[in-house]
Every structure is written in structure tokens, then in C-alpha cells.
Amino acid sequence: MLRRFWVLLLCCGVMAACNRSDDSGSKSAADWAKAGETDGYVYYADHASITKADEIVTMSDLFDYKAARTEGGLHFRRPINPIEPERQLK
């Protein structure tokens, strides 16, 4: 539960940093590109986060839910998934 709180707090910080409107020329924390859309959410991928180690490729992704979801008593719409899904290259 505490881990989810910290992940949610980190997500809010990243979103706030990405939405800065100053003209400092700094790059955003992630360059999210729309990768797909369903009736329930829009899916984004951060191509800059793609890494490869041997035959394992990982990347960060983000689901922008169109309706609020509840998990563990917390309501959220934009959780950022850590780099967990692993795919074997063929």
C-alpha cells in the first residue's frame, strides 16, 4: 500500500514536470508517444526508455484511463507502470 502511494506521488511529480510552461528549454522527463487507444484508455509509450539486455527488451508505458479507477481504496486515472513487462526477442 505504501509502495503504491509513493508510485502515485512520483507519477504526480513527473506529470507536473512535463506540464511546466516555462521557456527554460529543458526536456521533459519522458517523451510519451501515443501507441494505441481503446474505449477505456489511451496507451502511450516512452521510446527513449527502451533498453535491451541480452534478449530482454524493456520500456516504460502509460495508460490514460478515460474513467477513474479504484485500487486499494485509491482513485486514479493515470498510473505510470514501471518497467515490468519483459519480452523475449526471437
PDB file of N, CA and C in Angstrom:
ATOM      1  N   MET A   1       0.829  -1.191   0.000  1.00  0.00           N
ATOM      2  CA  MET A   1       0.000   0.000   0.000  1.00  0.00           C
ATOM      3  C   MET A   1       0.876   1.259   0.000  1.00  0.00           C
ATOM      4  N   LEU A   2       1.911   1.258   0.852  1.00  0.00           N
ATOM      5  CA  LEU A   2       2.805   2.409   0.916  1.00  0.00           C
ATOM      6  C   LEU A   2       3.565   2.567  -0.404  1.00  0.00           C
ATOM      7  N   ARG A   3       3.933   1.447  -1.014  1.00  0.00           N
ATOM      8  CA  ARG A   3       4.624   1.499  -2.302  1.00  0.00           C
ATOM      9  C   ARG A   3       3.743   2.154  -3.361  1.00  0.00           C
ATOM     10  N   ARG A   4       2.467   1.816  -3.369  1.00  0.00           N
ATOM     11  CA  ARG A   4       1.544   2.423  -4.339  1.00  0.00           C
ATOM     12  C   ARG A   4       1.420   3.922  -4.118  1.00  0.00           C
ATOM     13  N   PHE A   5       1.437   4.343  -2.856  1.00  0.00           N
ATOM     14  CA  PHE A   5       1.380   5.770  -2.550  1.00  0.00           C
ATOM     15  C   PHE A   5       2.590   6.478  -3.148  1.00  0.00           C
ATOM     16  N   TRP A   6       3.787   5.909  -2.963  1.00  0.00           N
ATOM     17  CA  TRP A   6       4.997   6.541  -3.479  1.00  0.00           C
ATOM     18  C   TRP A   6       5.023   6.540  -5.002  1.00  0.00           C
ATOM     19  N   VAL A   7       4.526   5.477  -5.611  1.00  0.00           N
ATOM     20  CA  VAL A   7       4.450   5.437  -7.079  1.00  0.00           C
ATOM     21  C   VAL A   7       3.491   6.511  -7.576  1.00  0.00           C
ATOM     22  N   LEU A   8       2.346   6.651  -6.912  1.00  0.00           N
ATOM     23  CA  LEU A   8       1.374   7.676  -7.289  1.00  0.00           C
ATOM     24  C   LEU A   8       1.965   9.076  -7.113  1.00  0.00           C
ATOM     25  N   LEU A   9       2.687   9.291  -6.013  1.00  0.00           N
ATOM     26  CA  LEU A   9       3.324  10.583  -5.771  1.00  0.00           C
ATOM     27  C   LEU A   9       4.374  10.873  -6.844  1.00  0.00           C
ATOM     28  N   LEU A  10       5.149   9.869  -7.209  1.00  0.00           N
ATOM     29  CA  LEU A  10       6.142  10.030  -8.262  1.00  0.00           C
ATOM     30  C   LEU A  10       5.475  10.367  -9.593  1.00  0.00           C
ATOM     31  N   CYS A  11       4.363   9.700  -9.875  1.00  0.00           N
ATOM     32  CA  CYS A  11       3.616   9.973 -11.113  1.00  0.00           C
ATOM     33  C   CYS A  11       3.158  11.427 -11.162  1.00  0.00           C
ATOM     34  N   CYS A  12       2.657  11.916 -10.040  1.00  0.00           N
ATOM     35  CA  CYS A  12       2.206  13.314  -9.990  1.00  0.00           C
ATOM     36  C   CYS A  12       3.368  14.261 -10.240  1.00  0.00           C
ATOM     37  N   GLY A  13       4.531  13.954  -9.673  1.00  0.00           N
ATOM     38  CA  GLY A  13       5.712  14.786  -9.878  1.00  0.00           C
ATOM     39  C   GLY A  13       6.156  14.798 -11.329  1.00  0.00           C
ATOM     40  N   VAL A  14       6.132  13.639 -11.961  1.00  0.00           N
ATOM     41  CA  VAL A  14       6.519  13.545 -13.371  1.00  0.00           C
ATOM     42  C   VAL A  14       5.538  14.320 -14.237  1.00  0.00           C
ATOM     43  N   MET A  15       4.239  14.162 -13.954  1.00  0.00           N
ATOM     44  CA  MET A  15       3.229  14.888 -14.734  1.00  0.00           C
ATOM     45  C   MET A  15       3.391  16.401 -14.555  1.00  0.00           C
ATOM     46  N   ALA A  16       3.672  16.845 -13.335  1.00  0.00           N
ATOM     47  CA  ALA A  16       3.860  18.274 -13.093  1.00  0.00           C
ATOM     48  C   ALA A  16       5.089  18.783 -13.841  1.00  0.00           C
ATOM     49  N   ALA A  17       6.165  17.999 -13.849  1.00  0.00           N
ATOM     50  CA  ALA A  17       7.379  18.406 -14.554  1.00  0.00           C
ATOM     51  C   ALA A  17       7.144  18.470 -16.059  1.00  0.00           C
ATOM     52  N   CYS A  18       6.361  17.548 -16.580  1.00  0.00           N
ATOM     53  CA  CYS A  18       6.083  17.524 -18.021  1.00  0.00           C
ATOM     54  C   CYS A  18       5.192  18.684 -18.446  1.00  0.00           C
ATOM     55  N   ASN A  19       4.384  19.203 -17.543  1.00  0.00           N
ATOM     56  CA  ASN A  19       3.441  20.266 -17.879  1.00  0.00           C
ATOM     57  C   ASN A  19       3.970  21.656 -17.559  1.00  0.00           C
ATOM     58  N   ARG A  20       5.252  21.764 -17.243  1.00  0.00           N
ATOM     59  CA  ARG A  20       5.815  23.079 -16.962  1.00  0.00           C
ATOM     60  C   ARG A  20       5.678  23.976 -18.176  1.00  0.00           C
ATOM     61  N   SER A  21       5.354  25.225 -17.949  1.00  0.00           N
ATOM     62  CA  SER A  21       5.146  26.129 -19.077  1.00  0.00           C
ATOM     63  C   SER A  21       6.257  27.167 -19.200  1.00  0.00           C
ATOM     64  N   ASP A  22       7.380  26.973 -18.479  1.00  0.00           N
ATOM     65  CA  ASP A  22       8.453  27.954 -18.614  1.00  0.00           C
ATOM     66  C   ASP A  22       9.241  27.681 -19.893  1.00  0.00           C
ATOM     67  N   ASP A  23       9.984  28.657 -20.335  1.00  0.00           N
ATOM     68  CA  ASP A  23      10.738  28.532 -21.579  1.00  0.00           C
ATOM     69  C   ASP A  23      12.213  28.279 -21.293  1.00  0.00           C
ATOM     70  N   SER A  24      12.506  27.412 -20.346  1.00  0.00           N
ATOM     71  CA  SER A  24      13.890  27.161 -19.967  1.00  0.00           C
ATOM     72  C   SER A  24      14.607  26.274 -20.971  1.00  0.00           C
ATOM     73  N   GLY A  25      13.881  25.664 -21.884  1.00  0.00           N
ATOM     74  CA  GLY A  25      14.498  24.801 -22.875  1.00  0.00           C
ATOM     75  C   GLY A  25      14.806  23.413 -22.360  1.00  0.00           C
ATOM     76  N   SER A  26      14.412  23.113 -21.139  1.00  0.00           N
ATOM     77  CA  SER A  26      14.690  21.783 -20.597  1.00  0.00           C
ATOM     78  C   SER A  26      13.742  20.764 -21.206  1.00  0.00           C
ATOM     79  N   LYS A  27      14.239  19.547 -21.335  1.00  0.00           N
ATOM     80  CA  LYS A  27      13.421  18.485 -21.899  1.00  0.00           C
ATOM     81  C   LYS A  27      12.528  17.902 -20.820  1.00  0.00           C
ATOM     82  N   SER A  28      11.428  17.327 -21.235  1.00  0.00           N
ATOM     83  CA  SER A  28      10.522  16.687 -20.290  1.00  0.00           C
ATOM     84  C   SER A  28      11.147  15.392 -19.783  1.00  0.00           C
ATOM     85  N   ALA A  29      10.588  14.878 -18.698  1.00  0.00           N
ATOM     86  CA  ALA A  29      11.107  13.655 -18.097  1.00  0.00           C
ATOM     87  C   ALA A  29      10.935  12.467 -19.029  1.00  0.00           C
ATOM     88  N   ALA A  30       9.925  12.490 -19.852  1.00  0.00           N
ATOM     89  CA  ALA A  30       9.681  11.392 -20.788  1.00  0.00           C
ATOM     90  C   ALA A  30       9.043  11.953 -22.051  1.00  0.00           C
ATOM     91  N   ASP A  31       9.330  11.326 -23.154  1.00  0.00           N
ATOM     92  CA  ASP A  31       8.722  11.714 -24.424  1.00  0.00           C
ATOM     93  C   ASP A  31       7.671  10.670 -24.775  1.00  0.00           C
ATOM     94  N   TRP A  32       6.466  10.885 -24.278  1.00  0.00           N
ATOM     95  CA  TRP A  32       5.394   9.905 -24.463  1.00  0.00           C
ATOM     96  C   TRP A  32       4.815  10.020 -25.865  1.00  0.00           C
ATOM     97  N   ALA A  33       4.709   8.887 -26.543  1.00  0.00           N
ATOM     98  CA  ALA A  33       4.112   8.819 -27.879  1.00  0.00           C
ATOM     99  C   ALA A  33       2.885   7.921 -27.807  1.00  0.00           C
ATOM    100  N   LYS A  34       1.794   8.383 -28.393  1.00  0.00           N
ATOM    101  CA  LYS A  34       0.563   7.587 -28.388  1.00  0.00           C
ATOM    102  C   LYS A  34       0.796   6.302 -29.176  1.00  0.00           C
ATOM    103  N   ALA A  35       0.502   5.168 -28.517  1.00  0.00           N
ATOM    104  CA  ALA A  35       0.737   3.871 -29.149  1.00  0.00           C
ATOM    105  C   ALA A  35      -0.557   3.134 -29.463  1.00  0.00           C
ATOM    106  N   GLY A  36      -1.666   3.550 -28.872  1.00  0.00           N
ATOM    107  CA  GLY A  36      -2.934   2.881 -29.130  1.00  0.00           C
ATOM    108  C   GLY A  36      -4.049   3.470 -28.300  1.00  0.00           C
ATOM    109  N   GLU A  37      -5.279   3.073 -28.622  1.00  0.00           N
ATOM    110  CA  GLU A  37      -6.445   3.596 -27.908  1.00  0.00           C
ATOM    111  C   GLU A  37      -7.561   2.562 -27.953  1.00  0.00           C
ATOM    112  N   THR A  38      -8.283   2.451 -26.832  1.00  0.00           N
ATOM    113  CA  THR A  38      -9.469   1.602 -26.757  1.00  0.00           C
ATOM    114  C   THR A  38     -10.610   2.455 -26.222  1.00  0.00           C
ATOM    115  N   ASP A  39     -11.762   1.845 -25.997  1.00  0.00           N
ATOM    116  CA  ASP A  39     -12.886   2.577 -25.408  1.00  0.00           C
ATOM    117  C   ASP A  39     -12.587   3.004 -23.978  1.00  0.00           C
ATOM    118  N   GLY A  40     -11.700   2.282 -23.288  1.00  0.00           N
ATOM    119  CA  GLY A  40     -11.441   2.549 -21.879  1.00  0.00           C
ATOM    120  C   GLY A  40     -10.202   3.358 -21.569  1.00  0.00           C
ATOM    121  N   TYR A  41      -9.224   3.409 -22.475  1.00  0.00           N
ATOM    122  CA  TYR A  41      -7.983   4.111 -22.177  1.00  0.00           C
ATOM    123  C   TYR A  41      -7.214   4.451 -23.451  1.00  0.00           C
ATOM    124  N   VAL A  42      -6.243   5.360 -23.288  1.00  0.00           N
ATOM    125  CA  VAL A  42      -5.276   5.670 -24.340  1.00  0.00           C
ATOM    126  C   VAL A  42      -3.933   5.161 -23.827  1.00  0.00           C
ATOM    127  N   TYR A  43      -3.175   4.498 -24.675  1.00  0.00           N
ATOM    128  CA  TYR A  43      -1.913   3.877 -24.306  1.00  0.00           C
ATOM    129  C   TYR A  43      -0.760   4.674 -24.903  1.00  0.00           C
ATOM    130  N   TYR A  44       0.221   5.038 -24.062  1.00  0.00           N
ATOM    131  CA  TYR A  44       1.391   5.782 -24.503  1.00  0.00           C
ATOM    132  C   TYR A  44       2.651   4.984 -24.188  1.00  0.00           C
ATOM    133  N   ALA A  45       3.696   5.187 -24.975  1.00  0.00           N
ATOM    134  CA  ALA A  45       4.983   4.535 -24.750  1.00  0.00           C
ATOM    135  C   ALA A  45       6.082   5.590 -24.755  1.00  0.00           C
ATOM    136  N   ASP A  46       7.099   5.371 -23.944  1.00  0.00           N
ATOM    137  CA  ASP A  46       8.260   6.260 -23.893  1.00  0.00           C
ATOM    138  C   ASP A  46       9.389   5.581 -24.657  1.00  0.00           C
ATOM    139  N   HIS A  47       9.577   5.973 -25.903  1.00  0.00           N
ATOM    140  CA  HIS A  47      10.572   5.321 -26.751  1.00  0.00           C
ATOM    141  C   HIS A  47      11.993   5.541 -26.239  1.00  0.00           C
ATOM    142  N   ALA A  48      12.228   6.644 -25.533  1.00  0.00           N
ATOM    143  CA  ALA A  48      13.564   6.915 -25.005  1.00  0.00           C
ATOM    144  C   ALA A  48      13.939   5.956 -23.879  1.00  0.00           C
ATOM    145  N   SER A  49      12.962   5.283 -23.281  1.00  0.00           N
ATOM    146  CA  SER A  49      13.247   4.381 -22.159  1.00  0.00           C
ATOM    147  C   SER A  49      13.527   2.947 -22.605  1.00  0.00           C
ATOM    148  N   ILE A  50      13.470   2.679 -23.895  1.00  0.00           N
ATOM    149  CA  ILE A  50      13.683   1.314 -24.379  1.00  0.00           C
ATOM    150  C   ILE A  50      15.128   0.901 -24.122  1.00  0.00           C
ATOM    151  N   THR A  51      15.277  -0.232 -23.444  1.00  0.00           N
ATOM    152  CA  THR A  51      16.603  -0.787 -23.179  1.00  0.00           C
ATOM    153  C   THR A  51      16.616  -2.255 -23.569  1.00  0.00           C
ATOM    154  N   LYS A  52      17.800  -2.739 -23.887  1.00  0.00           N
ATOM    155  CA  LYS A  52      17.951  -4.147 -24.254  1.00  0.00           C
ATOM    156  C   LYS A  52      19.126  -4.714 -23.478  1.00  0.00           C
ATOM    157  N   ALA A  53      18.908  -5.845 -22.820  1.00  0.00           N
ATOM    158  CA  ALA A  53      19.957  -6.572 -22.122  1.00  0.00           C
ATOM    159  C   ALA A  53      19.870  -8.019 -22.582  1.00  0.00           C
ATOM    160  N   ASP A  54      20.862  -8.456 -23.312  1.00  0.00           N
ATOM    161  CA  ASP A  54      20.851  -9.790 -23.926  1.00  0.00           C
ATOM    162  C   ASP A  54      19.618  -9.905 -24.825  1.00  0.00           C
ATOM    163  N   GLU A  55      18.676 -10.761 -24.448  1.00  0.00           N
ATOM    164  CA  GLU A  55      17.478 -10.946 -25.267  1.00  0.00           C
ATOM    165  C   GLU A  55      16.233 -10.351 -24.628  1.00  0.00           C
ATOM    166  N   ILE A  56      16.399  -9.532 -23.595  1.00  0.00           N
ATOM    167  CA  ILE A  56      15.270  -8.922 -22.888  1.00  0.00           C
ATOM    168  C   ILE A  56      15.178  -7.442 -23.272  1.00  0.00           C
ATOM    169  N   VAL A  57      14.018  -7.024 -23.741  1.00  0.00           N
ATOM    170  CA  VAL A  57      13.768  -5.622 -24.081  1.00  0.00           C
ATOM    171  C   VAL A  57      12.713  -5.084 -23.128  1.00  0.00           C
ATOM    172  N   THR A  58      12.969  -3.900 -22.538  1.00  0.00           N
ATOM    173  CA  THR A  58      12.011  -3.285 -21.613  1.00  0.00           C
ATOM    174  C   THR A  58      11.770  -1.832 -22.020  1.00  0.00           C
ATOM    175  N   MET A  59      10.626  -1.290 -21.581  1.00  0.00           N
ATOM    176  CA  MET A  59      10.306   0.113 -21.829  1.00  0.00           C
ATOM    177  C   MET A  59       9.230   0.565 -20.848  1.00  0.00           C
ATOM    178  N   SER A  60       9.098   1.872 -20.679  1.00  0.00           N
ATOM    179  CA  SER A  60       8.058   2.437 -19.822  1.00  0.00           C
ATOM    180  C   SER A  60       6.803   2.679 -20.648  1.00  0.00           C
ATOM    181  N   ASP A  61       5.646   2.462 -20.020  1.00  0.00           N
ATOM    182  CA  ASP A  61       4.383   2.732 -20.697  1.00  0.00           C
ATOM    183  C   ASP A  61       3.445   3.453 -19.742  1.00  0.00           C
ATOM    184  N   LEU A  62       2.388   4.026 -20.299  1.00  0.00           N
ATOM    185  CA  LEU A  62       1.444   4.803 -19.507  1.00  0.00           C
ATOM    186  C   LEU A  62       0.046   4.572 -20.061  1.00  0.00           C
ATOM    187  N   PHE A  63      -0.904   4.314 -19.177  1.00  0.00           N
ATOM    188  CA  PHE A  63      -2.304   4.169 -19.557  1.00  0.00           C
ATOM    189  C   PHE A  63      -3.061   5.391 -19.054  1.00  0.00           C
ATOM    190  N   ASP A  64      -3.715   6.118 -19.936  1.00  0.00           N
ATOM    191  CA  ASP A  64      -4.544   7.263 -19.566  1.00  0.00           C
ATOM    192  C   ASP A  64      -5.994   6.784 -19.611  1.00  0.00           C
ATOM    193  N   TYR A  65      -6.503   6.384 -18.437  1.00  0.00           N
ATOM    194  CA  TYR A  65      -7.863   5.849 -18.370  1.00  0.00           C
ATOM    195  C   TYR A  65      -8.885   6.959 -18.565  1.00  0.00           C
ATOM    196  N   LYS A  66      -9.955   6.667 -19.287  1.00  0.00           N
ATOM    197  CA  LYS A  66     -10.994   7.660 -19.560  1.00  0.00           C
ATOM    198  C   LYS A  66     -11.951   7.821 -18.391  1.00  0.00           C
ATOM    199  N   ALA A  67     -11.986   6.864 -17.492  1.00  0.00           N
ATOM    200  CA  ALA A  67     -12.812   6.945 -16.280  1.00  0.00           C
ATOM    201  C   ALA A  67     -11.924   6.589 -15.092  1.00  0.00           C
ATOM    202  N   ALA A  68     -12.221   7.177 -13.943  1.00  0.00           N
ATOM    203  CA  ALA A  68     -11.429   6.911 -12.739  1.00  0.00           C
ATOM    204  C   ALA A  68     -11.509   5.440 -12.368  1.00  0.00           C
ATOM    205  N   ARG A  69     -10.377   4.900 -11.921  1.00  0.00           N
ATOM    206  CA  ARG A  69     -10.307   3.512 -11.475  1.00  0.00           C
ATOM    207  C   ARG A  69      -9.976   3.506  -9.990  1.00  0.00           C
ATOM    208  N   THR A  70     -10.297   2.410  -9.311  1.00  0.00           N
ATOM    209  CA  THR A  70     -10.021   2.289  -7.887  1.00  0.00           C
ATOM    210  C   THR A  70      -9.168   1.057  -7.649  1.00  0.00           C
ATOM    211  N   GLU A  71      -8.094   1.249  -6.892  1.00  0.00           N
ATOM    212  CA  GLU A  71      -7.250   0.126  -6.500  1.00  0.00           C
ATOM    213  C   GLU A  71      -6.758   0.389  -5.089  1.00  0.00           C
ATOM    214  N   GLY A  72      -7.045  -0.520  -4.187  1.00  0.00           N
ATOM    215  CA  GLY A  72      -6.615  -0.358  -2.805  1.00  0.00           C
ATOM    216  C   GLY A  72      -7.224   0.859  -2.134  1.00  0.00           C
ATOM    217  N   GLY A  73      -8.423   1.254  -2.548  1.00  0.00           N
ATOM    218  CA  GLY A  73      -9.082   2.412  -1.956  1.00  0.00           C
ATOM    219  C   GLY A  73      -8.660   3.740  -2.556  1.00  0.00           C
ATOM    220  N   LEU A  74      -7.688   3.734  -3.471  1.00  0.00           N
ATOM    221  CA  LEU A  74      -7.229   4.966  -4.114  1.00  0.00           C
ATOM    222  C   LEU A  74      -7.891   5.107  -5.480  1.00  0.00           C
ATOM    223  N   HIS A  75      -8.268   6.325  -5.821  1.00  0.00           N
ATOM    224  CA  HIS A  75      -8.857   6.614  -7.124  1.00  0.00           C
ATOM    225  C   HIS A  75      -7.778   7.252  -7.996  1.00  0.00           C
ATOM    226  N   PHE A  76      -7.647   6.781  -9.221  1.00  0.00           N
ATOM    227  CA  PHE A  76      -6.639   7.332 -10.107  1.00  0.00           C
ATOM    228  C   PHE A  76      -7.075   7.207 -11.556  1.00  0.00           C
ATOM    229  N   ARG A  77      -6.393   7.979 -12.421  1.00  0.00           N
ATOM    230  CA  ARG A  77      -6.662   7.914 -13.859  1.00  0.00           C
ATOM    231  C   ARG A  77      -5.401   7.664 -14.663  1.00  0.00           C
ATOM    232  N   ARG A  78      -4.246   8.067 -14.175  1.00  0.00           N
ATOM    233  CA  ARG A  78      -3.032   7.995 -14.986  1.00  0.00           C
ATOM    234  C   ARG A  78      -1.868   7.330 -14.256  1.00  0.00           C
ATOM    235  N   PRO A  79      -1.959   6.047 -13.964  1.00  0.00           N
ATOM    236  CA  PRO A  79      -0.795   5.417 -13.331  1.00  0.00           C
ATOM    237  C   PRO A  79       0.306   5.176 -14.356  1.00  0.00           C
ATOM    238  N   ILE A  80       1.544   5.354 -13.947  1.00  0.00           N
ATOM    239  CA  ILE A  80       2.676   5.019 -14.805  1.00  0.00           C
ATOM    240  C   ILE A  80       3.163   3.652 -14.372  1.00  0.00           C
ATOM    241  N   ASN A  81       3.241   2.758 -15.300  1.00  0.00           N
ATOM    242  CA  ASN A  81       3.688   1.407 -15.000  1.00  0.00           C
ATOM    243  C   ASN A  81       5.204   1.365 -15.042  1.00  0.00           C
ATOM    244  N   PRO A  82       5.840   0.872 -13.973  1.00  0.00           N
ATOM    245  CA  PRO A  82       7.295   0.737 -14.029  1.00  0.00           C
ATOM    246  C   PRO A  82       7.681  -0.286 -15.086  1.00  0.00           C
ATOM    247  N   ILE A  83       8.939  -0.330 -15.407  1.00  0.00           N
ATOM    248  CA  ILE A  83       9.401  -1.258 -16.435  1.00  0.00           C
ATOM    249  C   ILE A  83       9.316  -2.670 -15.876  1.00  0.00           C
ATOM    250  N   GLU A  84       8.199  -3.330 -16.099  1.00  0.00           N
ATOM    251  CA  GLU A  84       7.999  -4.685 -15.616  1.00  0.00           C
ATOM    252  C   GLU A  84       7.832  -5.688 -16.746  1.00  0.00           C
ATOM    253  N   PRO A  85       6.993  -5.385 -17.749  1.00  0.00           N
ATOM    254  CA  PRO A  85       6.776  -6.395 -18.785  1.00  0.00           C
ATOM    255  C   PRO A  85       8.074  -6.684 -19.526  1.00  0.00           C
ATOM    256  N   GLU A  86       8.391  -7.945 -19.662  1.00  0.00           N
ATOM    257  CA  GLU A  86       9.597  -8.336 -20.379  1.00  0.00           C
ATOM    258  C   GLU A  86       9.197  -9.196 -21.567  1.00  0.00           C
ATOM    259  N   ARG A  87       9.834  -8.948 -22.673  1.00  0.00           N
ATOM    260  CA  ARG A  87       9.528  -9.713 -23.879  1.00  0.00           C
ATOM    261  C   ARG A  87      10.805 -10.365 -24.379  1.00  0.00           C
ATOM    262  N   GLN A  88      10.716 -11.594 -24.722  1.00  0.00           N
ATOM    263  CA  GLN A  88      11.849 -12.308 -25.303  1.00  0.00           C
ATOM    264  C   GLN A  88      11.927 -11.966 -26.790  1.00  0.00           C
ATOM    265  N   LEU A  89      13.112 -11.633 -27.245  1.00  0.00           N
ATOM    266  CA  LEU A  89      13.308 -11.412 -28.677  1.00  0.00           C
ATOM    267  C   LEU A  89      13.453 -12.752 -29.363  1.00  0.00           C
ATOM    268  N   LYS A  90      12.943 -12.840 -30.556  1.00  0.00           N
ATOM    269  CA  LYS A  90      13.052 -14.106 -31.296  1.00  0.00           C
ATOM    270  C   LYS A  90      14.072 -13.987 -32.387  1.00  0.00           C
TER     271      LYS A  90
END
